[in-house]
Amino acid sequence: MNKERIRKISNGLSAASIGLLLIALLIGFSFIRIGIQNLVAIDNVDIDTETFSQTATKTEAELVVSNTQISQVRYYVDGEEMNVDVQVYTDAYQVGNKLDLYYNNDDPSIVRVPDLFKTYYDKMGKMMLKIGIGIVGVCAVLGLICWLISRSLRKKLTVN
């Protein structure tokens, strides 16, 4: 291989290593940040529930619908059946499971179902962390390999 060709390959590998590092930094760490935010949100659910419970009543609800868009719960207020859609999905509970529910004393259709949100945030947080760590790891290893090969090729240029 001639020197010009080796130089072009070396430059290409250097550019690839920089690109992979940027992907690791921008995309990988974004996933990690989102994962951490989801895990921190679990504490926020507790804080929100504690504040909400000051003007709410705690009762037991039954999960009656669980699909990828909503969870619907059934509960009773003064003997009257209430069904409310909660805009969260989790596969940690099955239809028929019992969950703690807090409903607003003035408007019983305003509810909090902390366990649904905690399991959602936990699952999403862990999944995002794994994806982010995977992206960072793969890009870092590939970037390092490209950089080492590029460095080796540059040494060949100076030796020859």
Foldseek 3Di string as FASTA:
>chain_A
DDLVVLLVLLVVLLVLLVVLQVCLVPVLVVLLVLLVVLLVVLVVLVVVCVVQQVQWDKDKWFFADADQFWTWIWDDDPNDIDIETDGAHDPPDDGGDIFIKIAGPVGRNDIRGSVRSNRRSNVSSVVSNVSSVVSNVVSNVSSVVSNVSSVVSVVVSVVD
